[in-house]
Structure formats: structure tokens, C-alpha cells
């Protein structure tokens, strides 16, 4: 990645025209070929940019960035204050905490969260239309299919409904009841789920991980 801080003006010509008057800005040139122009007050969003595939031509006092569509970004440099290049290496990717896979693992490990005496049958229980997140059994021996989401929406309820319809055709499992579990459940999704006899459970991610809340307690 190349970082250039310079006093410059920027002119874009393509689907429209745009002009940035002379000012001190950050010019970012990435290994993928993209060039973006940043100010100090726009958070992550650039003032203007050219996405790859594009190519940069440098001449004294002028950068020209063009692409096959005929778009052109002309950067006129008045003074270069900083110019450095850094090899960032391969990007390992973003590792998210609290995604549905983590919630599924935690609920499976603490299946008693759903009820005392409950037991896990299997995670990712296979069906002809896809795997059910968790299949478990309550203390009375009734089977439950659990669909886990970070945010409970209507489509999640519909997904669980399809699983239940299929699972209840299996005489070895039926009757199978449904549990819709999420960190947040939208009111419309809760209403639809309860109308279909599906139990809704709100998951507390920190509690599942064994982290005590910070709030003061009276008891």
C-alpha cells in the first residue's frame, strides 16, 4: 500500500464531472490498483476514488487514473508532504465474534438453557432441505428443532417452519416442536412464530459464555 499526503486538486470526468479544489489530502494506492482520495473529516469514506481494474500514470505534478470505461481521475499535485510504501502481506480476513455458528456452539454446549433436563441429539441435523441448527430432546422425551439467528426475522421463522414440516413426517422423530432462538427477535417474527406454535427464546451471548453482567445487583 502506498500512502501519499499532498496538497492537491482532483478532477473526475466520466458519468459526471466533479472537482475538489486545492487542499491537503491523503492519497491511497492499494495493491489491487485502486486509488482513493481522503480528507481528515469523512471517517472511512473517500472524497473520490477509482476502483479496479484501473491504471495509474504518474507524470511530474500530475497523476492520471483511468479505466476501460473511459472514466478519468486527474490529481494535480502542488506539494508532496509524505510518500511511503508498505507491504501489508496477505489479509487473513475478519473473524467475527457472536456470529450464528458461535451461538449454535454455545447453545449446544449449554442445552440446559432451553430447559432443565434437556439433552442434545445433534448439531447441524441433516435434512433434504438443509441442516437444522440443533436437534434436542426435552425431559419428557419430546424432540425439538432449534433455529438460531443473531437477529430473528420473518424469514427465519419460515425456514424453521419448513424444517418442522419435514421432520414431523419422520415417525421416529415426530412429534417435533420448534424453538426460534436469537439475540434479538423482531415483534413480527415473534408473532408469526407463536401463531405457529413455535417457542421463542432470546439468547444472551455473554451469559452463554459465562460472563457476568456489569450492572449492579440488589440481590
C-alpha atoms as a PDB file:
ATOM      1  CA  UNK A   1       0.000   0.000   0.000  1.00  0.00           C
ATOM      2  CA  UNK A   2       1.251   3.464  -0.888  1.00  0.00           C
ATOM      3  CA  UNK A   3       0.383   6.457   1.309  1.00  0.00           C
ATOM      4  CA  UNK A   4       0.839   9.936  -0.093  1.00  0.00           C
ATOM      5  CA  UNK A   5      -0.060  13.124   1.760  1.00  0.00           C
ATOM      6  CA  UNK A   6      -0.094  16.063  -0.602  1.00  0.00           C
ATOM      7  CA  UNK A   7      -1.639  19.410  -1.418  1.00  0.00           C
ATOM      8  CA  UNK A   8      -3.619  18.587  -4.492  1.00  0.00           C
ATOM      9  CA  UNK A   9      -6.700  19.212  -6.541  1.00  0.00           C
ATOM     10  CA  UNK A  10      -8.744  16.380  -8.000  1.00  0.00           C
ATOM     11  CA  UNK A  11     -10.879  16.355 -11.143  1.00  0.00           C
ATOM     12  CA  UNK A  12     -13.116  13.485 -12.165  1.00  0.00           C
ATOM     13  CA  UNK A  13     -14.576  13.040 -15.639  1.00  0.00           C
ATOM     14  CA  UNK A  14     -16.851  10.179 -16.575  1.00  0.00           C
ATOM     15  CA  UNK A  15     -20.530   9.592 -15.854  1.00  0.00           C
ATOM     16  CA  UNK A  16     -20.468  13.132 -14.446  1.00  0.00           C
ATOM     17  CA  UNK A  17     -17.816  15.673 -13.577  1.00  0.00           C
ATOM     18  CA  UNK A  18     -16.561  16.560 -10.115  1.00  0.00           C
ATOM     19  CA  UNK A  19     -13.912  18.922  -8.796  1.00  0.00           C
ATOM     20  CA  UNK A  20     -12.054  19.039  -5.484  1.00  0.00           C
ATOM     21  CA  UNK A  21     -10.189  22.329  -5.035  1.00  0.00           C
ATOM     22  CA  UNK A  22      -6.608  22.523  -3.806  1.00  0.00           C
ATOM     23  CA  UNK A  23      -6.210  21.192  -0.244  1.00  0.00           C
ATOM     24  CA  UNK A  24      -4.085  18.785   1.767  1.00  0.00           C
ATOM     25  CA  UNK A  25      -5.356  15.225   1.374  1.00  0.00           C
ATOM     26  CA  UNK A  26      -4.361  11.580   1.743  1.00  0.00           C
ATOM     27  CA  UNK A  27      -3.945   9.594  -1.480  1.00  0.00           C
ATOM     28  CA  UNK A  28      -4.246   5.848  -1.026  1.00  0.00           C
ATOM     29  CA  UNK A  29      -2.906   3.476  -3.704  1.00  0.00           C
ATOM     30  CA  UNK A  30      -3.649  -0.181  -2.935  1.00  0.00           C
ATOM     31  CA  UNK A  31      -2.085  -3.329  -4.340  1.00  0.00           C
ATOM     32  CA  UNK A  32      -5.336  -4.120  -6.190  1.00  0.00           C
ATOM     33  CA  UNK A  33      -4.796  -0.952  -8.263  1.00  0.00           C
ATOM     34  CA  UNK A  34      -7.461   1.181  -6.636  1.00  0.00           C
ATOM     35  CA  UNK A  35      -6.772   4.847  -5.925  1.00  0.00           C
ATOM     36  CA  UNK A  36      -8.773   6.835  -3.377  1.00  0.00           C
ATOM     37  CA  UNK A  37      -8.642  10.404  -2.100  1.00  0.00           C
ATOM     38  CA  UNK A  38      -9.327  11.050   1.586  1.00  0.00           C
ATOM     39  CA  UNK A  39      -9.775  14.078   3.839  1.00  0.00           C
ATOM     40  CA  UNK A  40      -9.448  14.193   7.612  1.00  0.00           C
ATOM     41  CA  UNK A  41     -13.168  14.525   8.370  1.00  0.00           C
ATOM     42  CA  UNK A  42     -15.004  11.818   6.402  1.00  0.00           C
ATOM     43  CA  UNK A  43     -14.334   8.699   8.511  1.00  0.00           C
ATOM     44  CA  UNK A  44     -13.596   5.795   6.135  1.00  0.00           C
ATOM     45  CA  UNK A  45     -15.398   7.215   3.100  1.00  0.00           C
ATOM     46  CA  UNK A  46     -13.163   8.708   0.381  1.00  0.00           C
ATOM     47  CA  UNK A  47     -13.881  12.027  -1.329  1.00  0.00           C
ATOM     48  CA  UNK A  48     -13.329  10.373  -4.685  1.00  0.00           C
ATOM     49  CA  UNK A  49     -11.884   7.114  -5.905  1.00  0.00           C
ATOM     50  CA  UNK A  50     -11.288   4.792  -8.836  1.00  0.00           C
ATOM     51  CA  UNK A  51     -11.950   1.097  -8.355  1.00  0.00           C
ATOM     52  CA  UNK A  52     -10.016  -1.650 -10.153  1.00  0.00           C
ATOM     53  CA  UNK A  53      -9.470  -2.551 -12.868  1.00  0.00           C
ATOM     54  CA  UNK A  54      -7.779   0.799 -13.483  1.00  0.00           C
ATOM     55  CA  UNK A  55      -4.277   2.088 -14.043  1.00  0.00           C
ATOM     56  CA  UNK A  56      -2.248   4.953 -12.632  1.00  0.00           C
ATOM     57  CA  UNK A  57       0.039   7.085 -14.818  1.00  0.00           C
ATOM     58  CA  UNK A  58       2.428   9.401 -12.972  1.00  0.00           C
ATOM     59  CA  UNK A  59       3.955  12.492 -14.534  1.00  0.00           C
ATOM     60  CA  UNK A  60       5.695  15.405 -12.784  1.00  0.00           C
ATOM     61  CA  UNK A  61       2.975  17.198 -10.820  1.00  0.00           C
ATOM     62  CA  UNK A  62       0.132  15.037 -12.169  1.00  0.00           C
ATOM     63  CA  UNK A  63      -1.412  11.635 -11.550  1.00  0.00           C
ATOM     64  CA  UNK A  64      -3.912  10.261 -14.026  1.00  0.00           C
ATOM     65  CA  UNK A  65      -6.083   7.293 -13.111  1.00  0.00           C
ATOM     66  CA  UNK A  66      -8.175   5.764 -15.905  1.00  0.00           C
ATOM     67  CA  UNK A  67     -10.260   2.674 -16.561  1.00  0.00           C
ATOM     68  CA  UNK A  68     -11.680   0.860 -19.592  1.00  0.00           C
ATOM     69  CA  UNK A  69     -14.995   2.695 -19.257  1.00  0.00           C
ATOM     70  CA  UNK A  70     -13.312   5.977 -20.105  1.00  0.00           C
ATOM     71  CA  UNK A  71     -13.546   7.407 -16.607  1.00  0.00           C
ATOM     72  CA  UNK A  72     -10.610   9.550 -15.587  1.00  0.00           C
ATOM     73  CA  UNK A  73      -9.362  10.874 -12.261  1.00  0.00           C
ATOM     74  CA  UNK A  74      -6.770  13.648 -12.604  1.00  0.00           C
ATOM     75  CA  UNK A  75      -4.843  14.561  -9.454  1.00  0.00           C
ATOM     76  CA  UNK A  76      -2.765  17.737  -9.710  1.00  0.00           C
ATOM     77  CA  UNK A  77      -0.032  17.783  -7.069  1.00  0.00           C
ATOM     78  CA  UNK A  78       1.121  21.132  -5.681  1.00  0.00           C
ATOM     79  CA  UNK A  79       3.292  19.791  -2.835  1.00  0.00           C
ATOM     80  CA  UNK A  80       4.038  16.266  -1.625  1.00  0.00           C
ATOM     81  CA  UNK A  81       4.392  16.140   2.157  1.00  0.00           C
ATOM     82  CA  UNK A  82       4.785  12.388   2.577  1.00  0.00           C
ATOM     83  CA  UNK A  83       5.217   9.402   0.276  1.00  0.00           C
ATOM     84  CA  UNK A  84       5.715   5.873   1.630  1.00  0.00           C
ATOM     85  CA  UNK A  85       5.017   2.307   0.530  1.00  0.00           C
ATOM     86  CA  UNK A  86       4.202  -0.558   2.885  1.00  0.00           C
ATOM     87  CA  UNK A  87       3.773  -4.289   2.233  1.00  0.00           C
ATOM     88  CA  UNK A  88       0.814  -5.362   4.381  1.00  0.00           C
ATOM     89  CA  UNK A  89       1.030  -9.021   3.374  1.00  0.00           C
ATOM     90  CA  UNK A  90      -1.876 -11.408   2.932  1.00  0.00           C
ATOM     91  CA  UNK A  91      -5.140 -10.455   4.595  1.00  0.00           C
ATOM     92  CA  UNK A  92      -6.311 -13.241   6.966  1.00  0.00           C
ATOM     93  CA  UNK A  93      -9.883 -11.950   6.899  1.00  0.00           C
ATOM     94  CA  UNK A  94     -12.268 -10.703   9.544  1.00  0.00           C
ATOM     95  CA  UNK A  95     -13.028 -13.050  12.423  1.00  0.00           C
ATOM     96  CA  UNK A  96     -16.404 -12.127  13.869  1.00  0.00           C
ATOM     97  CA  UNK A  97     -17.411 -12.797  17.432  1.00  0.00           C
ATOM     98  CA  UNK A  98     -21.014 -13.658  18.178  1.00  0.00           C
ATOM     99  CA  UNK A  99     -21.942 -14.991  14.749  1.00  0.00           C
ATOM    100  CA  UNK A 100     -24.600 -17.671  14.404  1.00  0.00           C
ATOM    101  CA  UNK A 101     -22.043 -20.504  14.385  1.00  0.00           C
ATOM    102  CA  UNK A 102     -20.729 -19.375  17.790  1.00  0.00           C
ATOM    103  CA  UNK A 103     -24.245 -19.082  19.169  1.00  0.00           C
ATOM    104  CA  UNK A 104     -25.025 -22.572  17.910  1.00  0.00           C
ATOM    105  CA  UNK A 105     -21.923 -23.997  19.603  1.00  0.00           C
ATOM    106  CA  UNK A 106     -22.738 -22.278  22.882  1.00  0.00           C
ATOM    107  CA  UNK A 107     -26.388 -23.329  22.930  1.00  0.00           C
ATOM    108  CA  UNK A 108     -25.387 -26.919  22.128  1.00  0.00           C
ATOM    109  CA  UNK A 109     -22.810 -26.861  24.937  1.00  0.00           C
ATOM    110  CA  UNK A 110     -25.371 -25.385  27.355  1.00  0.00           C
ATOM    111  CA  UNK A 111     -28.520 -27.091  26.134  1.00  0.00           C
ATOM    112  CA  UNK A 112     -29.998 -26.713  29.628  1.00  0.00           C
ATOM    113  CA  UNK A 113     -30.510 -23.057  28.657  1.00  0.00           C
ATOM    114  CA  UNK A 114     -33.606 -24.254  26.817  1.00  0.00           C
ATOM    115  CA  UNK A 115     -34.879 -26.279  29.765  1.00  0.00           C
ATOM    116  CA  UNK A 116     -33.805 -28.381  32.724  1.00  0.00           C
ATOM    117  CA  UNK A 117     -33.115 -31.990  31.849  1.00  0.00           C
ATOM    118  CA  UNK A 118     -32.811 -31.344  28.108  1.00  0.00           C
ATOM    119  CA  UNK A 119     -30.285 -33.319  26.045  1.00  0.00           C
ATOM    120  CA  UNK A 120     -28.580 -32.672  22.722  1.00  0.00           C
ATOM    121  CA  UNK A 121     -29.271 -35.076  19.870  1.00  0.00           C
ATOM    122  CA  UNK A 122     -27.116 -33.402  17.232  1.00  0.00           C
ATOM    123  CA  UNK A 123     -25.920 -30.106  15.828  1.00  0.00           C
ATOM    124  CA  UNK A 124     -26.451 -29.491  12.098  1.00  0.00           C
ATOM    125  CA  UNK A 125     -29.008 -32.287  11.858  1.00  0.00           C
ATOM    126  CA  UNK A 126     -29.227 -33.113   8.122  1.00  0.00           C
ATOM    127  CA  UNK A 127     -32.485 -32.898   6.181  1.00  0.00           C
ATOM    128  CA  UNK A 128     -33.311 -32.881   2.479  1.00  0.00           C
ATOM    129  CA  UNK A 129     -33.672 -29.082   2.540  1.00  0.00           C
ATOM    130  CA  UNK A 130     -30.648 -28.268   4.685  1.00  0.00           C
ATOM    131  CA  UNK A 131     -29.307 -28.835   8.199  1.00  0.00           C
ATOM    132  CA  UNK A 132     -31.294 -27.973  11.312  1.00  0.00           C
ATOM    133  CA  UNK A 133     -29.085 -25.960  13.670  1.00  0.00           C
ATOM    134  CA  UNK A 134     -29.824 -28.074  16.747  1.00  0.00           C
ATOM    135  CA  UNK A 135     -31.982 -31.117  17.359  1.00  0.00           C
ATOM    136  CA  UNK A 136     -32.551 -31.859  21.042  1.00  0.00           C
ATOM    137  CA  UNK A 137     -34.896 -33.663  23.412  1.00  0.00           C
ATOM    138  CA  UNK A 138     -36.654 -32.285  26.481  1.00  0.00           C
ATOM    139  CA  UNK A 139     -37.057 -34.015  29.844  1.00  0.00           C
ATOM    140  CA  UNK A 140     -40.295 -35.681  28.682  1.00  0.00           C
ATOM    141  CA  UNK A 141     -38.656 -37.162  25.572  1.00  0.00           C
ATOM    142  CA  UNK A 142     -40.219 -34.752  23.048  1.00  0.00           C
ATOM    143  CA  UNK A 143     -37.937 -33.724  20.162  1.00  0.00           C
ATOM    144  CA  UNK A 144     -37.301 -30.036  19.452  1.00  0.00           C
ATOM    145  CA  UNK A 145     -35.764 -28.406  16.367  1.00  0.00           C
ATOM    146  CA  UNK A 146     -33.920 -25.193  17.163  1.00  0.00           C
ATOM    147  CA  UNK A 147     -33.215 -22.490  14.593  1.00  0.00           C
ATOM    148  CA  UNK A 148     -30.580 -19.995  15.779  1.00  0.00           C
ATOM    149  CA  UNK A 149     -30.148 -16.465  14.443  1.00  0.00           C
ATOM    150  CA  UNK A 150     -28.378 -13.336  15.599  1.00  0.00           C
ATOM    151  CA  UNK A 151     -31.450 -11.332  14.619  1.00  0.00           C
ATOM    152  CA  UNK A 152     -34.767 -13.122  14.406  1.00  0.00           C
ATOM    153  CA  UNK A 153     -36.609 -12.122  11.256  1.00  0.00           C
ATOM    154  CA  UNK A 154     -39.670 -13.458   9.456  1.00  0.00           C
ATOM    155  CA  UNK A 155     -37.561 -15.496   7.023  1.00  0.00           C
ATOM    156  CA  UNK A 156     -36.020 -17.373   9.946  1.00  0.00           C
ATOM    157  CA  UNK A 157     -39.459 -18.393  11.165  1.00  0.00           C
ATOM    158  CA  UNK A 158     -40.380 -19.544   7.659  1.00  0.00           C
ATOM    159  CA  UNK A 159     -37.151 -21.561   7.476  1.00  0.00           C
ATOM    160  CA  UNK A 160     -37.895 -23.303  10.782  1.00  0.00           C
ATOM    161  CA  UNK A 161     -41.476 -23.978   9.657  1.00  0.00           C
ATOM    162  CA  UNK A 162     -40.189 -25.839   6.595  1.00  0.00           C
ATOM    163  CA  UNK A 163     -37.853 -27.920   8.760  1.00  0.00           C
ATOM    164  CA  UNK A 164     -40.672 -28.808  11.154  1.00  0.00           C
ATOM    165  CA  UNK A 165     -42.954 -29.858   8.323  1.00  0.00           C
ATOM    166  CA  UNK A 166     -40.268 -32.222   7.036  1.00  0.00           C
ATOM    167  CA  UNK A 167     -39.145 -33.566  10.421  1.00  0.00           C
ATOM    168  CA  UNK A 168     -42.699 -34.341  11.506  1.00  0.00           C
ATOM    169  CA  UNK A 169     -43.021 -36.747   8.584  1.00  0.00           C
ATOM    170  CA  UNK A 170     -40.398 -38.956  10.249  1.00  0.00           C
ATOM    171  CA  UNK A 171     -42.216 -41.362  12.609  1.00  0.00           C
ATOM    172  CA  UNK A 172     -39.011 -41.872  14.602  1.00  0.00           C
ATOM    173  CA  UNK A 173     -38.866 -38.170  15.470  1.00  0.00           C
ATOM    174  CA  UNK A 174     -42.467 -36.953  15.453  1.00  0.00           C
ATOM    175  CA  UNK A 175     -43.861 -35.017  17.119  1.00  0.00           C
ATOM    176  CA  UNK A 176     -41.158 -32.366  16.662  1.00  0.00           C
ATOM    177  CA  UNK A 177     -41.666 -28.916  18.162  1.00  0.00           C
ATOM    178  CA  UNK A 178     -39.872 -25.761  17.137  1.00  0.00           C
ATOM    179  CA  UNK A 179     -37.769 -23.228  19.003  1.00  0.00           C
ATOM    180  CA  UNK A 180     -36.759 -19.951  17.379  1.00  0.00           C
ATOM    181  CA  UNK A 181     -33.700 -18.636  19.274  1.00  0.00           C
ATOM    182  CA  UNK A 182     -31.954 -15.324  18.609  1.00  0.00           C
ATOM    183  CA  UNK A 183     -30.187 -12.444  20.331  1.00  0.00           C
ATOM    184  CA  UNK A 184     -32.941 -10.156  19.077  1.00  0.00           C
ATOM    185  CA  UNK A 185     -36.333 -11.175  17.735  1.00  0.00           C
ATOM    186  CA  UNK A 186     -38.425  -8.722  15.758  1.00  0.00           C
ATOM    187  CA  UNK A 187     -42.022  -8.360  17.002  1.00  0.00           C
ATOM    188  CA  UNK A 188     -43.471  -9.523  13.672  1.00  0.00           C
ATOM    189  CA  UNK A 189     -41.275 -12.648  13.736  1.00  0.00           C
ATOM    190  CA  UNK A 190     -42.291 -13.404  17.329  1.00  0.00           C
ATOM    191  CA  UNK A 191     -45.975 -13.024  16.467  1.00  0.00           C
ATOM    192  CA  UNK A 192     -45.681 -15.344  13.456  1.00  0.00           C
ATOM    193  CA  UNK A 193     -43.684 -17.921  15.409  1.00  0.00           C
ATOM    194  CA  UNK A 194     -46.088 -18.019  18.329  1.00  0.00           C
ATOM    195  CA  UNK A 195     -49.052 -18.225  15.950  1.00  0.00           C
ATOM    196  CA  UNK A 196     -47.471 -21.396  14.511  1.00  0.00           C
ATOM    197  CA  UNK A 197     -46.810 -22.903  17.915  1.00  0.00           C
ATOM    198  CA  UNK A 198     -43.098 -22.143  17.814  1.00  0.00           C
ATOM    199  CA  UNK A 199     -41.461 -21.113  21.077  1.00  0.00           C
ATOM    200  CA  UNK A 200     -39.263 -18.006  21.003  1.00  0.00           C
ATOM    201  CA  UNK A 201     -36.106 -17.771  23.120  1.00  0.00           C
ATOM    202  CA  UNK A 202     -33.950 -14.651  23.435  1.00  0.00           C
ATOM    203  CA  UNK A 203     -30.267 -15.561  23.781  1.00  0.00           C
ATOM    204  CA  UNK A 204     -27.812 -13.608  25.922  1.00  0.00           C
ATOM    205  CA  UNK A 205     -24.417 -14.120  24.308  1.00  0.00           C
ATOM    206  CA  UNK A 206     -22.382 -13.038  27.336  1.00  0.00           C
ATOM    207  CA  UNK A 207     -24.374 -15.266  29.686  1.00  0.00           C
ATOM    208  CA  UNK A 208     -23.829 -18.231  27.372  1.00  0.00           C
ATOM    209  CA  UNK A 209     -20.098 -17.525  27.528  1.00  0.00           C
ATOM    210  CA  UNK A 210     -20.205 -17.364  31.314  1.00  0.00           C
ATOM    211  CA  UNK A 211     -19.577 -13.606  31.520  1.00  0.00           C
ATOM    212  CA  UNK A 212     -21.334 -11.901  34.399  1.00  0.00           C
ATOM    213  CA  UNK A 213     -23.181  -8.656  33.574  1.00  0.00           C
ATOM    214  CA  UNK A 214     -21.607  -5.379  34.757  1.00  0.00           C
ATOM    215  CA  UNK A 215     -24.830  -3.952  36.168  1.00  0.00           C
ATOM    216  CA  UNK A 216     -25.121  -3.616  39.920  1.00  0.00           C
ATOM    217  CA  UNK A 217     -27.440  -6.114  41.542  1.00  0.00           C
ATOM    218  CA  UNK A 218     -29.518  -5.710  44.704  1.00  0.00           C
ATOM    219  CA  UNK A 219     -29.648  -9.466  45.267  1.00  0.00           C
END
